[in-house]
Amino acid sequence: MLGDGDRSRTCLAFRHLAEDAGFGFQGWLCAGAGRSVDRQQITCLIDRINLVAAGEDRPLRAHFSKAELQRQPACVASKLQAAGRKGNWLDADQPAPALRRNAPERVAAQRSTR
């Protein structure tokens, strides 16, 4: 749980290290205020990491090939939604969120306060 004294959020740290492939990643997933971390969501996010190019890096290609064989069947979007979980932009078949744009009025207001 992370907090600043007034507010707190539940968080989940994750780390993956494949020393044989010279590859690793780490991060945090924090839920919104008053919510708990959705462990299935982070599992599926990590499960969808794909190797785009490895050149002649055989250990890295082998690591991702092995991971491909171990994909989580629970991360198929239809199964997540059938379980009552609402889909979001991290799910493979959901649309990406709209890009945020500064409304002209807000940009003008920001400039006038500087």
C-alpha atoms as a PDB file:
ATOM      1  CA  MET A   1       0.000   0.000   0.000  1.00  0.00           C
ATOM      2  CA  LEU A   2       1.321   3.409  -0.942  1.00  0.00           C
ATOM      3  CA  GLY A   3       0.120   6.591   0.679  1.00  0.00           C
ATOM      4  CA  ASP A   4       0.950  10.199   1.363  1.00  0.00           C
ATOM      5  CA  GLY A   5      -0.691  10.461   4.783  1.00  0.00           C
ATOM      6  CA  ASP A   6      -4.071  11.558   3.460  1.00  0.00           C
ATOM      7  CA  ARG A   7      -4.703   9.045   0.721  1.00  0.00           C
ATOM      8  CA  SER A   8      -3.548   5.499   0.091  1.00  0.00           C
ATOM      9  CA  ARG A   9      -3.691   3.075  -2.810  1.00  0.00           C
ATOM     10  CA  THR A  10      -3.052  -0.628  -2.997  1.00  0.00           C
ATOM     11  CA  CYS A  11      -0.181  -1.517  -5.305  1.00  0.00           C
ATOM     12  CA  LEU A  12       1.447  -4.638  -6.626  1.00  0.00           C
ATOM     13  CA  ALA A  13       5.108  -4.784  -7.605  1.00  0.00           C
ATOM     14  CA  PHE A  14       6.253  -7.240 -10.243  1.00  0.00           C
ATOM     15  CA  ARG A  15       9.612  -8.339 -11.577  1.00  0.00           C
ATOM     16  CA  HIS A  16      10.811 -10.806 -14.167  1.00  0.00           C
ATOM     17  CA  LEU A  17      14.443 -11.665 -14.713  1.00  0.00           C
ATOM     18  CA  ALA A  18      15.712 -14.115 -17.311  1.00  0.00           C
ATOM     19  CA  GLU A  19      19.436 -14.109 -16.674  1.00  0.00           C
ATOM     20  CA  ASP A  20      20.114 -16.687 -19.386  1.00  0.00           C
ATOM     21  CA  ALA A  21      18.578 -14.326 -21.969  1.00  0.00           C
ATOM     22  CA  GLY A  22      19.922 -11.070 -20.490  1.00  0.00           C
ATOM     23  CA  PHE A  23      16.356  -9.810 -20.249  1.00  0.00           C
ATOM     24  CA  GLY A  24      14.217  -8.473 -17.471  1.00  0.00           C
ATOM     25  CA  PHE A  25      11.547  -5.983 -16.528  1.00  0.00           C
ATOM     26  CA  GLN A  26       9.919  -4.648 -13.401  1.00  0.00           C
ATOM     27  CA  GLY A  27       7.156  -2.288 -12.445  1.00  0.00           C
ATOM     28  CA  TRP A  28       4.241  -1.353 -10.236  1.00  0.00           C
ATOM     29  CA  LEU A  29       0.510  -1.568 -10.747  1.00  0.00           C
ATOM     30  CA  CYS A  30      -1.541   0.616  -8.431  1.00  0.00           C
ATOM     31  CA  ALA A  31      -5.317   0.538  -8.184  1.00  0.00           C
ATOM     32  CA  GLY A  32      -7.510   3.584  -7.984  1.00  0.00           C
ATOM     33  CA  ALA A  33      -8.458   5.027  -4.616  1.00  0.00           C
ATOM     34  CA  GLY A  34     -10.581   2.611  -2.610  1.00  0.00           C
ATOM     35  CA  ARG A  35     -10.020  -0.276  -5.025  1.00  0.00           C
ATOM     36  CA  SER A  36      -7.854  -3.371  -4.882  1.00  0.00           C
ATOM     37  CA  VAL A  37      -5.286  -4.401  -7.474  1.00  0.00           C
ATOM     38  CA  ASP A  38      -6.633  -6.675 -10.199  1.00  0.00           C
ATOM     39  CA  ARG A  39      -4.013  -9.443 -10.253  1.00  0.00           C
ATOM     40  CA  GLN A  40      -5.538 -11.027 -13.346  1.00  0.00           C
ATOM     41  CA  GLN A  41      -5.112  -7.754 -15.234  1.00  0.00           C
ATOM     42  CA  ILE A  42      -1.388  -7.558 -14.498  1.00  0.00           C
ATOM     43  CA  THR A  43      -0.989 -11.262 -15.296  1.00  0.00           C
ATOM     44  CA  CYS A  44      -2.555 -10.761 -18.712  1.00  0.00           C
ATOM     45  CA  LEU A  45      -0.600  -7.568 -19.377  1.00  0.00           C
ATOM     46  CA  ILE A  46       2.674  -9.403 -18.769  1.00  0.00           C
ATOM     47  CA  ASP A  47       1.421 -12.445 -20.685  1.00  0.00           C
ATOM     48  CA  ARG A  48       0.961 -10.320 -23.816  1.00  0.00           C
ATOM     49  CA  ILE A  49       4.541  -9.042 -23.949  1.00  0.00           C
ATOM     50  CA  ASN A  50       5.854 -10.092 -27.342  1.00  0.00           C
ATOM     51  CA  LEU A  51       9.288 -10.071 -28.905  1.00  0.00           C
ATOM     52  CA  VAL A  52       9.303  -7.937 -32.042  1.00  0.00           C
ATOM     53  CA  ALA A  53      12.917  -8.455 -33.103  1.00  0.00           C
ATOM     54  CA  ALA A  54      15.931 -10.162 -31.562  1.00  0.00           C
ATOM     55  CA  GLY A  55      18.350 -10.314 -34.468  1.00  0.00           C
ATOM     56  CA  GLU A  56      20.869 -13.031 -33.756  1.00  0.00           C
ATOM     57  CA  ASP A  57      20.184 -13.084 -29.997  1.00  0.00           C
ATOM     58  CA  ARG A  58      19.374 -16.783 -29.712  1.00  0.00           C
ATOM     59  CA  PRO A  59      18.949 -16.877 -25.896  1.00  0.00           C
ATOM     60  CA  LEU A  60      16.390 -14.048 -26.052  1.00  0.00           C
ATOM     61  CA  ARG A  61      14.486 -15.722 -28.893  1.00  0.00           C
ATOM     62  CA  ALA A  62      14.506 -19.008 -26.971  1.00  0.00           C
ATOM     63  CA  HIS A  63      13.144 -17.288 -23.857  1.00  0.00           C
ATOM     64  CA  PHE A  64      10.217 -15.767 -25.746  1.00  0.00           C
ATOM     65  CA  SER A  65       9.559 -19.011 -27.619  1.00  0.00           C
ATOM     66  CA  LYS A  66       9.273 -20.843 -24.308  1.00  0.00           C
ATOM     67  CA  ALA A  67       6.992 -18.109 -22.933  1.00  0.00           C
ATOM     68  CA  GLU A  68       4.777 -18.389 -26.013  1.00  0.00           C
ATOM     69  CA  LEU A  69       4.108 -22.036 -25.159  1.00  0.00           C
ATOM     70  CA  GLN A  70       3.103 -21.026 -21.623  1.00  0.00           C
ATOM     71  CA  ARG A  71       0.502 -18.351 -22.511  1.00  0.00           C
ATOM     72  CA  GLN A  72      -2.298 -18.115 -19.967  1.00  0.00           C
ATOM     73  CA  PRO A  73      -5.624 -19.355 -21.355  1.00  0.00           C
ATOM     74  CA  ALA A  74      -7.415 -17.237 -18.736  1.00  0.00           C
ATOM     75  CA  CYS A  75      -6.158 -14.122 -20.512  1.00  0.00           C
ATOM     76  CA  VAL A  76      -8.370 -14.624 -23.545  1.00  0.00           C
ATOM     77  CA  ALA A  77     -10.642 -11.583 -23.459  1.00  0.00           C
ATOM     78  CA  SER A  78     -13.918 -13.486 -23.769  1.00  0.00           C
ATOM     79  CA  LYS A  79     -13.082 -15.581 -20.696  1.00  0.00           C
ATOM     80  CA  LEU A  80     -12.265 -12.486 -18.648  1.00  0.00           C
ATOM     81  CA  GLN A  81     -15.534 -10.835 -19.604  1.00  0.00           C
ATOM     82  CA  ALA A  82     -17.536 -14.019 -19.012  1.00  0.00           C
ATOM     83  CA  ALA A  83     -16.152 -13.993 -15.467  1.00  0.00           C
ATOM     84  CA  GLY A  84     -17.814 -10.623 -14.923  1.00  0.00           C
ATOM     85  CA  ARG A  85     -14.682  -8.528 -15.390  1.00  0.00           C
ATOM     86  CA  LYS A  86     -15.167  -5.385 -17.433  1.00  0.00           C
ATOM     87  CA  GLY A  87     -12.844  -5.142 -20.434  1.00  0.00           C
ATOM     88  CA  ASN A  88     -10.470  -2.205 -20.752  1.00  0.00           C
ATOM     89  CA  TRP A  89      -7.789  -0.937 -23.121  1.00  0.00           C
ATOM     90  CA  LEU A  90      -5.276  -3.535 -21.872  1.00  0.00           C
ATOM     91  CA  ASP A  91      -7.459  -6.337 -23.214  1.00  0.00           C
ATOM     92  CA  ALA A  92      -6.556  -7.474 -26.718  1.00  0.00           C
ATOM     93  CA  ASP A  93     -10.009  -6.994 -28.243  1.00  0.00           C
ATOM     94  CA  GLN A  94     -10.821  -3.632 -26.623  1.00  0.00           C
ATOM     95  CA  PRO A  95     -10.231  -0.267 -28.323  1.00  0.00           C
ATOM     96  CA  ALA A  96      -7.374   1.982 -27.294  1.00  0.00           C
ATOM     97  CA  PRO A  97      -8.405   5.006 -25.226  1.00  0.00           C
ATOM     98  CA  ALA A  98      -8.940   8.302 -26.990  1.00  0.00           C
ATOM     99  CA  LEU A  99      -5.959  10.616 -26.923  1.00  0.00           C
ATOM    100  CA  ARG A 100      -6.321  13.537 -24.564  1.00  0.00           C
ATOM    101  CA  ARG A 101      -6.200  16.885 -26.221  1.00  0.00           C
ATOM    102  CA  ASN A 102      -5.968  20.287 -24.684  1.00  0.00           C
ATOM    103  CA  ALA A 103      -9.158  22.159 -25.393  1.00  0.00           C
ATOM    104  CA  PRO A 104      -8.393  25.591 -26.929  1.00  0.00           C
ATOM    105  CA  GLU A 105     -10.102  27.308 -23.972  1.00  0.00           C
ATOM    106  CA  ARG A 106      -7.928  25.474 -21.447  1.00  0.00           C
ATOM    107  CA  VAL A 107      -4.729  26.230 -23.376  1.00  0.00           C
ATOM    108  CA  ALA A 108      -5.689  29.920 -23.529  1.00  0.00           C
ATOM    109  CA  ALA A 109      -6.444  29.937 -19.784  1.00  0.00           C
ATOM    110  CA  GLN A 110      -3.095  28.311 -19.000  1.00  0.00           C
ATOM    111  CA  ARG A 111      -1.246  30.870 -21.081  1.00  0.00           C
ATOM    112  CA  SER A 112      -3.009  33.797 -19.422  1.00  0.00           C
ATOM    113  CA  THR A 113      -2.008  32.605 -15.927  1.00  0.00           C
ATOM    114  CA  ARG A 114       1.702  32.464 -16.748  1.00  0.00           C
END
